[in-house]
Amino acid sequence: MDTVKQAANYVSDKVQGTASEASKETNKSVAKDSDAGIGTRISAATDALGDKADESKYDAKAEANKQQLKH
């Protein structure tokens, strides 16, 4: 049963990591958009940093779950 739970956690963490990556890339694009207002650009840049942290966190958790599945 633990294997099923770890597999589900792995999939969940991978999905969340991928979503964070997509959000990060979108926010990076907004931050670079010279047509956007400065406040919008600063907010997007800040959000991109948070998304990067989330992406790293979820990727690490997914890798940990993947390693536990191998044992």
Protein backbone atom coordinates (compact mmCIF):
# COMPACT_ATOMS: atom_id res chain seq x y z
CA MET A 1 0.00 0.00 0.00
CA ASP A 2 2.91 2.35 0.68
CA THR A 3 4.08 1.86 -2.90
CA VAL A 4 0.73 3.06 -4.25
CA LYS A 5 0.81 6.09 -1.94
CA GLN A 6 4.38 6.95 -2.95
CA ALA A 7 3.50 6.59 -6.62
CA ALA A 8 0.51 8.87 -6.19
CA ASN A 9 2.66 11.39 -4.30
CA TYR A 10 5.26 11.23 -7.07
CA VAL A 11 2.67 11.95 -9.76
CA SER A 12 1.11 14.74 -7.71
CA ASP A 13 4.46 16.40 -7.04
CA LYS A 14 5.47 16.12 -10.71
CA VAL A 15 2.20 17.73 -11.81
CA GLN A 16 2.56 20.54 -9.27
CA GLY A 17 6.18 21.08 -10.28
CA THR A 18 5.20 21.27 -13.93
CA ALA A 19 2.40 23.73 -13.14
CA SER A 20 4.84 25.89 -11.18
CA GLU A 21 7.26 25.81 -14.09
CA ALA A 22 4.54 26.92 -16.52
CA SER A 23 3.49 29.73 -14.21
CA LYS A 24 7.13 30.79 -13.81
CA GLU A 25 7.61 31.00 -17.57
CA THR A 26 4.40 33.01 -17.99
CA ASN A 27 5.45 35.43 -15.27
CA LYS A 28 8.91 35.78 -16.80
CA SER A 29 7.30 36.74 -20.11
CA VAL A 30 5.13 39.36 -18.42
CA ALA A 31 8.12 40.72 -16.51
CA LYS A 32 10.01 41.17 -19.80
CA ASP A 33 7.05 42.75 -21.62
CA SER A 34 7.93 46.41 -22.18
CA ASP A 35 4.26 47.17 -22.93
CA ALA A 36 3.23 46.13 -19.40
CA GLY A 37 3.20 48.65 -16.59
CA ILE A 38 6.14 48.73 -14.18
CA GLY A 39 3.99 47.54 -11.28
CA THR A 40 2.76 44.59 -13.31
CA ARG A 41 6.29 43.73 -14.38
CA ILE A 42 7.64 43.88 -10.83
CA SER A 43 4.77 41.75 -9.55
CA ALA A 44 5.31 39.20 -12.31
CA ALA A 45 9.04 39.03 -11.57
CA THR A 46 8.33 38.46 -7.88
CA ASP A 47 5.78 35.79 -8.71
CA ALA A 48 8.29 34.09 -11.05
CA LEU A 49 10.76 33.83 -8.17
CA GLY A 50 8.11 32.22 -5.97
CA ASP A 51 7.15 29.86 -8.77
CA LYS A 52 10.80 28.84 -9.18
CA ALA A 53 11.01 28.04 -5.47
CA ASP A 54 7.81 25.98 -5.69
CA GLU A 55 9.07 24.19 -8.79
CA SER A 56 12.30 23.24 -7.02
CA LYS A 57 10.43 22.08 -3.93
CA TYR A 58 8.03 19.87 -5.87
CA ASP A 59 10.79 18.46 -8.07
CA ALA A 60 12.79 17.51 -4.97
CA LYS A 61 9.76 15.89 -3.35
CA ALA A 62 8.99 13.98 -6.56
CA GLU A 63 12.57 12.74 -6.77
CA ALA A 64 12.44 11.60 -3.15
CA ASN A 65 9.23 9.68 -3.82
CA LYS A 66 10.74 8.18 -6.96
CA GLN A 67 13.78 6.98 -5.01
CA GLN A 68 11.56 5.40 -2.35
CA LEU A 69 9.68 3.52 -5.07
CA LYS A 70 12.95 1.90 -6.18
CA HIS A 71 13.53 0.33 -2.76
